[in-house]
Every structure is written in C-alpha cells, then in structure tokens.
Amino acid sequence: MEFTAEQIASVIGGRIEGNKDAKINTFAKIEEGVEGAISFLSNPKYTHYIYDTKSSVVIVNNDVELEHPVQATLIRVDNAYECIAKLLQIYEASKPKKTGIAPQAYVSPTAKLGKDCYVGPFACIGDNTVVGDNCQIYPHAVIGDNVKMGSGCLIYPNATIYQGCKLGNNVTLHAGSVIGSDGFGFAPNADGYDKIPQIGIVTIEDNVEIGANTCVDRSTMGSTFIRKGVKLDNLVQVAHNVEIGENTVMSAQVGIAGSTKVGSWCMFGGQVGLAGHITIGDRTLLGAQSGVPGSLKGNEELIGTPPMPQRQYFKSQAVFRRLPDMYKDLNDLKKEMELLKNNEK
C-alpha cells in the first residue's frame, strides 16, 4: 500500500512542511531511511540524522528547531512517538489474518470457538474451553480445560494456558509464556516439603500483553489478577495471588513474590524485585534493579535497595565509591589518636 504525506498528516493531525504529495510505502528508522519510507524523530540525540536521512517523510515534534534545510517532507505534531505508534498500529491491523483450524490441531469436541478463529498445527484446545471471536492461536500453543478466552486474543507458539484460567478481550501472549502454572507453595516437614495444592486460577483482563517466557502463577485459592491494560515484558515472574493494577508496565526480569498488590499506572525497570505480602501504591516508578522489601505509598520515583528518591540514591552512590578511601582515612585517624594517647601517658 502507498500513501501520501497529506493522507498521513490527516490521520495523525499533523502539519506538513515540504511536499504534501511525497509517497511512502514502508517504515524505517531515521538513520536507516530509504526512499519511500516514513521515519520519526522524538529523541534529540538523533536530530543530526534528519539532515542526511533518505526517508521521504519524517514525523517530528512541533518544538523541533532545525539548523539547516532538509530534503525530507516533515509532518509536525505534538508527540512524534505517539503518532508513529498509532501508524504502526494501523499498519499491523491491516495485515490479513489467518482463519480456520489446521488438520494437525486438536480441538476438544466440547470446546466452543467463536467466529473467524485460527488454530495452527499441533495447537491443543481442551475440554469445555470457550474461545471468543477473531482469536489467533498459533502452532503448539496449549489451551487447557475449562479456559475462558474473550475475543481478539493472540496466542503465539508454545504459549500455555493452564486449566480454568480466564482471559479478557484482546489479550496477547507471546511465545513460551505460561499462564496458571502452580504457585510456589510448599510446607516443610521432617522429611522435606509437602506440596500445597494450588487450586485457584489466573484472571487476565482486557488489552493485556504478556512477553515471551513470562510466567503468571495460579493462586493458592481465589485468583491471581492481571488488570486491564497491563504490559509485561519478557522473562517476568508473577507469583501466586499477586494483583497487578490497571495500565502498569514492567520491564524484563521483574520478579514479584506472592500475595503482593501492585497499583495502577506503575512503571518498573528491568530486574526490579518485590517482596511478598506488600502493597505498592498507584503511579510508583521504580528504577532498574530496585529491591523492594516493604510497602510503598505511591506517586513516587524511586531506585535502589531499599528504594529511595533518585537524587538521594545518586548522592549515596557517589559516597559509596569513596568508601575505601574513607575507610583508610578512618584507620589512619585511629592510629594517630592511639599515638597521641600513648604520648600523653
């Protein structure tokens, strides 16, 4: 498909500078631009690329000031990153979707599939499972017994949904993700450990996306909850009976221990770790590798172990680097004091 700069500008509400008839048929990063591509500029570090890019159209923020003329047609908007995301969503939605059940797939006779679904080779759908309309279930995915799945869900290869779990509409599970595996519950005894049966489920609400090889454990009783709009990166671990609030996002390798409640609109950097049985308030921002041993009230931007405000953290790190010298100075002072004491005697 081919579009003009004018058509693109009308979709994203932008203002054109240059040739309104410039044609685009693909996307490209600004530093890798080619003729016929549309790129975007939102990070000032990449501004120098705009003068040499071969892209035909570049989306830029309204406040970008250029030092030299550019060859590309510009579309000025309030938020270039947001606009390119919108265009990519439109592009992705325009791709044709597969439908039908592959001969090699297994669908239980008691399962119910909605309209225009796709079930790929060697995928498995269990007894009494209900799948909504327009779902895409790719090869080797496993949907267990008594699962309920809304419409528009996208289940990539080798994703697994254990028995009884519930998914809302427009849920995406990437390859290798596991929903509803047993929570880590064991009771110590004289001979080792007795397994505590995990009889609950996982409930995932609408518009959730879960990354590759991420695990969300079923609850001991009741449900583990992933509320609507949550986005989890690859390799995230969510333990039993955790609740993650609406529109919270977590980067790779975040780990959340059991029964912790995370609020809405939180953002966690990579490798953040949360202890169990704590509460994280709404709009908490945690920097990468933060370790959280206790509850946080919310509306804070924190980093470190235990978490502290960023300014305080970086000041502490500056002191930490000087500890070896400070330790040496302290020992030297102690020796001097001992000498003074001995001389007084």
Protein backbone atom coordinates (compact mmCIF):
# COMPACT_ATOMS: atom_id res chain seq x y z
CA MET A 1 0.00 0.00 0.00
CA GLU A 2 1.10 3.53 -0.73
CA PHE A 3 0.09 6.77 0.97
CA THR A 4 0.92 10.45 0.57
CA ALA A 5 2.26 12.75 3.26
CA GLU A 6 -1.04 14.61 3.12
CA GLN A 7 -3.01 11.45 3.87
CA ILE A 8 -0.71 10.56 6.75
CA ALA A 9 -0.96 14.08 8.19
CA SER A 10 -4.77 13.91 8.12
CA VAL A 11 -4.70 10.67 10.15
CA ILE A 12 -2.37 11.97 12.89
CA GLY A 13 -3.46 15.62 12.84
CA GLY A 14 -0.08 16.92 11.67
CA ARG A 15 1.16 19.99 9.80
CA ILE A 16 3.16 19.44 6.61
CA GLU A 17 6.41 21.19 5.73
CA GLY A 18 7.53 20.24 2.23
CA ASN A 19 5.96 18.14 -0.50
CA LYS A 20 2.45 17.11 0.53
CA ASP A 21 2.39 14.57 -2.32
CA ALA A 22 5.51 12.70 -1.12
CA LYS A 23 4.69 8.98 -1.26
CA ILE A 24 5.51 6.42 1.42
CA ASN A 25 5.11 2.64 1.41
CA THR A 26 7.22 1.46 4.36
CA PHE A 27 8.65 2.40 7.76
CA ALA A 28 12.33 2.93 8.62
CA LYS A 29 14.47 4.25 11.46
CA ILE A 30 15.65 7.75 10.68
CA GLU A 31 19.31 6.64 10.49
CA GLU A 32 18.39 3.82 8.07
CA GLY A 33 15.96 5.76 5.90
CA VAL A 34 15.26 4.87 2.28
CA GLU A 35 13.21 6.50 -0.42
CA GLY A 36 9.53 5.79 0.14
CA ALA A 37 9.92 5.32 3.91
CA ILE A 38 8.41 7.25 6.79
CA SER A 39 10.54 7.84 9.91
CA PHE A 40 10.14 9.76 13.14
CA LEU A 41 12.29 11.95 15.39
CA SER A 42 11.44 12.22 19.08
CA ASN A 43 14.82 11.84 20.82
CA PRO A 44 17.04 14.92 20.47
CA LYS A 45 20.13 12.64 20.32
CA TYR A 46 19.04 11.60 16.82
CA THR A 47 18.43 15.09 15.44
CA HIS A 48 21.62 15.08 13.35
CA TYR A 49 20.27 12.18 11.27
CA ILE A 50 17.44 14.29 9.88
CA TYR A 51 19.81 16.28 7.64
CA ASP A 52 21.03 13.20 5.74
CA THR A 53 18.17 10.72 6.02
CA LYS A 54 16.89 9.23 2.78
CA SER A 55 13.38 8.78 4.18
CA SER A 56 10.73 10.60 2.17
CA VAL A 57 8.74 11.72 5.23
CA VAL A 58 9.78 12.33 8.85
CA ILE A 59 7.39 12.94 11.73
CA VAL A 60 8.81 15.48 14.19
CA ASN A 61 7.62 17.31 17.29
CA ASN A 62 6.31 20.84 16.87
CA ASP A 63 9.07 22.26 19.04
CA VAL A 64 11.96 20.82 16.99
CA GLU A 65 14.15 23.60 15.60
CA LEU A 66 16.36 22.69 12.66
CA GLU A 67 19.64 24.43 11.87
CA HIS A 68 19.70 23.53 8.17
CA PRO A 69 17.18 22.71 5.43
CA VAL A 70 16.23 19.05 5.00
CA GLN A 71 15.29 17.04 1.94
CA ALA A 72 12.55 15.02 3.62
CA THR A 73 8.99 16.23 3.94
CA LEU A 74 8.24 16.95 7.60
CA ILE A 75 4.99 16.33 9.44
CA ARG A 76 4.93 18.33 12.67
CA VAL A 77 2.87 17.00 15.57
CA ASP A 78 2.64 17.41 19.34
CA ASN A 79 4.09 13.95 20.05
CA ALA A 80 6.01 12.18 17.28
CA TYR A 81 6.48 8.96 19.25
CA GLU A 82 2.78 8.66 19.96
CA CYS A 83 1.91 9.32 16.29
CA ILE A 84 4.31 6.73 14.87
CA ALA A 85 2.85 4.22 17.35
CA LYS A 86 -0.62 5.00 16.03
CA LEU A 87 0.51 4.49 12.42
CA LEU A 88 2.21 1.20 13.29
CA GLN A 89 -0.98 0.00 14.95
CA ILE A 90 -2.97 0.84 11.82
CA TYR A 91 -0.37 -0.95 9.68
CA GLU A 92 -0.43 -4.04 11.89
CA ALA A 93 -4.25 -4.14 11.90
CA SER A 94 -4.30 -4.01 8.10
CA LYS A 95 -2.36 -7.28 7.74
CA PRO A 96 -4.51 -10.22 6.65
CA LYS A 97 -5.29 -12.68 9.45
CA LYS A 98 -5.42 -16.44 9.17
CA THR A 99 -8.65 -18.29 9.86
CA GLY A 100 -9.63 -21.92 10.16
CA ILE A 101 -8.45 -24.95 12.09
CA ALA A 102 -5.35 -26.75 10.83
CA PRO A 103 -5.82 -30.50 10.28
CA GLN A 104 -2.99 -31.22 12.73
CA ALA A 105 -4.60 -29.18 15.54
CA TYR A 106 -6.61 -30.79 18.34
CA VAL A 107 -9.83 -29.09 19.46
CA SER A 108 -11.90 -30.94 22.06
CA PRO A 109 -15.44 -31.80 20.92
CA THR A 110 -16.73 -29.95 24.00
CA ALA A 111 -14.76 -26.75 23.27
CA LYS A 112 -16.52 -23.76 21.71
CA LEU A 113 -14.75 -21.49 19.21
CA GLY A 114 -16.07 -18.12 18.05
CA LYS A 115 -16.20 -16.78 14.52
CA ASP A 116 -13.13 -16.34 12.30
CA CYS A 117 -10.66 -18.00 14.67
CA TYR A 118 -7.37 -19.56 13.63
CA VAL A 119 -5.91 -22.65 15.31
CA GLY A 120 -2.46 -23.60 14.00
CA PRO A 121 -0.85 -27.02 13.54
CA PHE A 122 -0.32 -29.01 16.75
CA ALA A 123 -2.14 -26.46 18.89
CA CYS A 124 -4.37 -28.03 21.54
CA ILE A 125 -7.65 -26.74 22.98
CA GLY A 126 -9.02 -28.65 25.97
CA ASP A 127 -12.41 -29.77 27.20
CA ASN A 128 -15.17 -27.21 27.83
CA THR A 129 -12.91 -24.31 26.84
CA VAL A 130 -14.56 -21.24 25.31
CA VAL A 131 -12.66 -19.10 22.78
CA GLY A 132 -14.12 -15.80 21.55
CA ASP A 133 -14.32 -14.42 18.03
CA ASN A 134 -11.27 -13.50 15.93
CA CYS A 135 -8.72 -15.24 18.13
CA GLN A 136 -5.39 -16.39 16.69
CA ILE A 137 -3.89 -19.49 18.30
CA TYR A 138 -0.53 -20.34 16.76
CA PRO A 139 1.21 -23.74 16.43
CA HIS A 140 2.00 -25.74 19.58
CA ALA A 141 0.03 -23.41 21.85
CA VAL A 142 -1.84 -25.26 24.60
CA ILE A 143 -5.16 -24.03 25.97
CA GLY A 144 -6.18 -26.22 28.90
CA ASP A 145 -9.58 -27.44 30.03
CA ASN A 146 -12.29 -25.01 31.16
CA VAL A 147 -10.41 -21.92 29.99
CA LYS A 148 -12.49 -18.88 29.04
CA MET A 149 -10.97 -16.52 26.47
CA GLY A 150 -12.51 -13.33 25.08
CA SER A 151 -12.40 -12.06 21.50
CA GLY A 152 -9.41 -10.79 19.55
CA CYS A 153 -6.80 -12.69 21.57
CA LEU A 154 -3.41 -13.54 20.07
CA ILE A 155 -1.68 -16.65 21.44
CA TYR A 156 1.78 -17.16 19.96
CA PRO A 157 3.57 -20.53 19.50
CA ASN A 158 4.30 -22.62 22.60
CA ALA A 159 2.34 -20.39 24.95
CA THR A 160 0.46 -22.38 27.60
CA ILE A 161 -2.73 -21.53 29.47
CA TYR A 162 -3.47 -23.96 32.31
CA GLN A 163 -6.91 -25.21 33.23
CA GLY A 164 -9.60 -22.86 34.44
CA CYS A 165 -7.85 -19.55 33.71
CA LYS A 166 -9.78 -16.57 32.34
CA LEU A 167 -8.66 -14.14 29.64
CA GLY A 168 -10.48 -10.98 28.57
CA ASN A 169 -10.59 -9.40 25.13
CA ASN A 170 -7.51 -8.50 23.06
CA VAL A 171 -5.02 -10.34 25.23
CA THR A 172 -1.64 -11.13 23.67
CA LEU A 173 0.57 -13.94 24.99
CA HIS A 174 3.99 -14.18 23.39
CA ALA A 175 5.91 -17.40 22.71
CA GLY A 176 6.72 -19.55 25.70
CA SER A 177 4.64 -17.62 28.21
CA VAL A 178 2.89 -19.72 30.87
CA ILE A 179 -0.38 -18.67 32.48
CA GLY A 180 -1.62 -20.58 35.50
CA SER A 181 1.36 -22.72 36.48
CA ASP A 182 1.35 -23.70 40.16
CA GLY A 183 2.26 -21.10 42.71
CA PHE A 184 5.39 -21.86 44.72
CA GLY A 185 3.74 -23.33 47.81
CA PHE A 186 5.49 -25.94 49.98
CA ALA A 187 5.19 -26.74 53.69
CA PRO A 188 8.39 -28.03 55.39
CA ASN A 189 8.23 -31.31 57.28
CA ALA A 190 10.74 -33.70 58.87
CA ASP A 191 11.44 -35.42 55.55
CA GLY A 192 11.41 -32.45 53.19
CA TYR A 193 8.47 -30.46 51.87
CA ASP A 194 4.77 -31.14 51.34
CA LYS A 195 3.32 -29.52 48.25
CA ILE A 196 0.40 -27.19 48.96
CA PRO A 197 -2.13 -27.71 46.15
CA GLN A 198 -2.74 -24.55 44.16
CA ILE A 199 -6.46 -24.69 43.41
CA GLY A 200 -7.01 -21.11 42.22
CA ILE A 201 -6.75 -19.57 38.75
CA VAL A 202 -5.30 -16.60 36.87
CA THR A 203 -7.60 -13.83 35.64
CA ILE A 204 -6.29 -11.58 32.86
CA GLU A 205 -8.44 -8.62 31.89
CA ASP A 206 -8.78 -6.79 28.55
CA ASN A 207 -5.90 -5.37 26.47
CA VAL A 208 -3.11 -7.08 28.38
CA GLU A 209 0.15 -8.05 26.65
CA ILE A 210 2.50 -10.60 28.20
CA GLY A 211 6.02 -11.13 26.87
CA ALA A 212 7.93 -14.23 25.86
CA ASN A 213 8.78 -16.73 28.62
CA THR A 214 6.90 -14.75 31.24
CA CYS A 215 5.13 -16.78 33.93
CA VAL A 216 2.00 -15.85 35.87
CA ASP A 217 1.28 -18.37 38.63
CA ARG A 218 -2.20 -19.51 39.62
CA SER A 219 -3.35 -18.63 43.12
CA THR A 220 -3.43 -20.97 46.08
CA MET A 221 -7.12 -20.08 46.37
CA GLY A 222 -9.11 -17.43 44.52
CA SER A 223 -7.24 -15.78 41.65
CA THR A 224 -4.05 -14.03 40.61
CA PHE A 225 -5.19 -10.86 38.82
CA ILE A 226 -3.66 -9.01 35.88
CA ARG A 227 -5.88 -5.98 35.42
CA LYS A 228 -6.75 -4.33 32.12
CA GLY A 229 -4.07 -2.60 30.07
CA VAL A 230 -1.11 -4.19 31.86
CA LYS A 231 2.04 -4.78 29.76
CA LEU A 232 4.63 -7.29 30.96
CA ASP A 233 7.97 -7.67 29.18
CA ASN A 234 9.82 -10.94 28.56
CA LEU A 235 11.02 -13.09 31.47
CA VAL A 236 8.81 -11.58 34.16
CA GLN A 237 7.75 -13.73 37.14
CA VAL A 238 4.39 -13.06 38.80
CA ALA A 239 3.79 -15.30 41.82
CA HIS A 240 0.56 -16.68 43.27
CA ASN A 241 -2.19 -14.36 44.50
CA VAL A 242 -0.45 -11.26 43.14
CA GLU A 243 -2.63 -8.45 41.80
CA ILE A 244 -1.25 -6.00 39.21
CA GLY A 245 -3.30 -2.83 38.75
CA GLU A 246 -4.55 -1.29 35.52
CA ASN A 247 -2.07 0.02 32.92
CA THR A 248 1.01 -0.92 34.91
CA VAL A 249 4.11 -1.80 32.84
CA MET A 250 7.11 -3.93 33.81
CA SER A 251 10.42 -4.44 32.00
CA ALA A 252 12.29 -7.72 31.64
CA GLN A 253 13.22 -9.90 34.62
CA VAL A 254 10.96 -8.22 37.15
CA GLY A 255 10.03 -10.65 39.93
CA ILE A 256 7.02 -10.29 42.23
CA ALA A 257 6.65 -12.56 45.25
CA GLY A 258 3.33 -13.99 46.41
CA SER A 259 0.29 -12.00 47.58
CA THR A 260 1.77 -8.61 46.68
CA LYS A 261 -0.61 -5.93 45.40
CA VAL A 262 0.70 -3.51 42.76
CA GLY A 263 -1.29 -0.36 41.98
CA SER A 264 -2.34 1.23 38.70
CA TRP A 265 -0.07 3.11 36.26
CA CYS A 266 3.13 1.88 37.88
CA MET A 267 6.36 1.52 35.87
CA PHE A 268 9.11 -0.92 36.87
CA GLY A 269 12.54 -1.05 35.23
CA GLY A 270 14.42 -4.26 34.48
CA GLN A 271 15.21 -6.71 37.30
CA VAL A 272 13.10 -4.99 39.93
CA GLY A 273 12.30 -7.40 42.78
CA LEU A 274 9.31 -7.12 45.12
CA ALA A 275 8.96 -9.00 48.40
CA GLY A 276 5.75 -10.85 49.19
CA HIS A 277 2.67 -9.61 51.06
CA ILE A 278 3.33 -5.92 50.44
CA THR A 279 1.36 -3.15 48.71
CA ILE A 280 2.73 -0.81 46.05
CA GLY A 281 0.69 2.36 45.60
CA ASP A 282 -0.52 3.79 42.30
CA ARG A 283 1.93 5.54 39.96
CA THR A 284 5.06 4.19 41.58
CA LEU A 285 8.12 4.39 39.31
CA LEU A 286 10.97 2.02 40.20
CA GLY A 287 14.39 2.19 38.55
CA ALA A 288 16.18 -0.90 37.25
CA GLN A 289 17.41 -3.45 39.84
CA SER A 290 15.49 -1.86 42.70
CA GLY A 291 14.77 -4.25 45.56
CA VAL A 292 11.55 -3.56 47.48
CA PRO A 293 11.28 -5.17 50.93
CA GLY A 294 8.22 -3.25 52.14
CA SER A 295 5.13 -1.38 51.03
CA LEU A 296 5.33 1.93 49.12
CA LYS A 297 2.71 4.67 49.30
CA GLY A 298 2.69 5.54 45.57
CA ASN A 299 3.23 8.65 43.42
CA GLU A 300 7.00 8.28 43.91
CA GLU A 301 10.00 7.87 41.61
CA LEU A 302 12.45 5.59 43.40
CA ILE A 303 15.55 3.49 42.79
CA GLY A 304 17.89 1.27 44.78
CA THR A 305 17.65 -1.31 47.58
CA PRO A 306 15.77 -0.31 49.62
CA PRO A 307 14.28 2.22 47.19
CA MET A 308 14.94 5.91 47.72
CA PRO A 309 14.41 9.10 45.68
CA GLN A 310 16.72 9.29 42.67
CA ARG A 311 18.64 12.35 43.84
CA GLN A 312 19.33 10.77 47.21
CA TYR A 313 20.31 7.49 45.55
CA PHE A 314 22.88 9.05 43.24
CA LYS A 315 24.37 11.07 46.11
CA SER A 316 24.65 7.85 48.11
CA GLN A 317 26.36 6.11 45.21
CA ALA A 318 28.90 8.93 45.00
CA VAL A 319 29.71 8.39 48.69
CA PHE A 320 29.78 4.61 48.27
CA ARG A 321 32.55 4.85 45.65
CA ARG A 322 34.66 6.76 48.14
CA LEU A 323 34.23 4.26 51.00
CA PRO A 324 37.63 2.53 50.52
CA ASP A 325 39.44 5.88 50.82
CA MET A 326 37.24 6.93 53.73
CA TYR A 327 37.96 3.61 55.48
CA LYS A 328 41.71 4.15 55.03
CA ASP A 329 41.43 7.70 56.37
CA LEU A 330 39.48 6.44 59.38
CA ASN A 331 42.14 3.85 60.20
CA ASP A 332 44.87 6.47 59.86
CA LEU A 333 42.97 8.75 62.28
CA LYS A 334 42.60 5.88 64.77
CA LYS A 335 46.36 5.23 64.65
CA GLU A 336 47.11 8.92 65.19
CA MET A 337 44.75 9.03 68.17
CA GLU A 338 46.44 5.95 69.67
CA LEU A 339 49.84 7.64 69.31
CA LEU A 340 48.57 10.82 70.97
CA LYS A 341 47.12 8.80 73.86
CA ASN A 342 50.40 6.92 74.32
CA ASN A 343 52.41 10.16 74.28
CA GLU A 344 50.16 11.68 76.93
CA LYS A 345 50.95 8.76 79.21
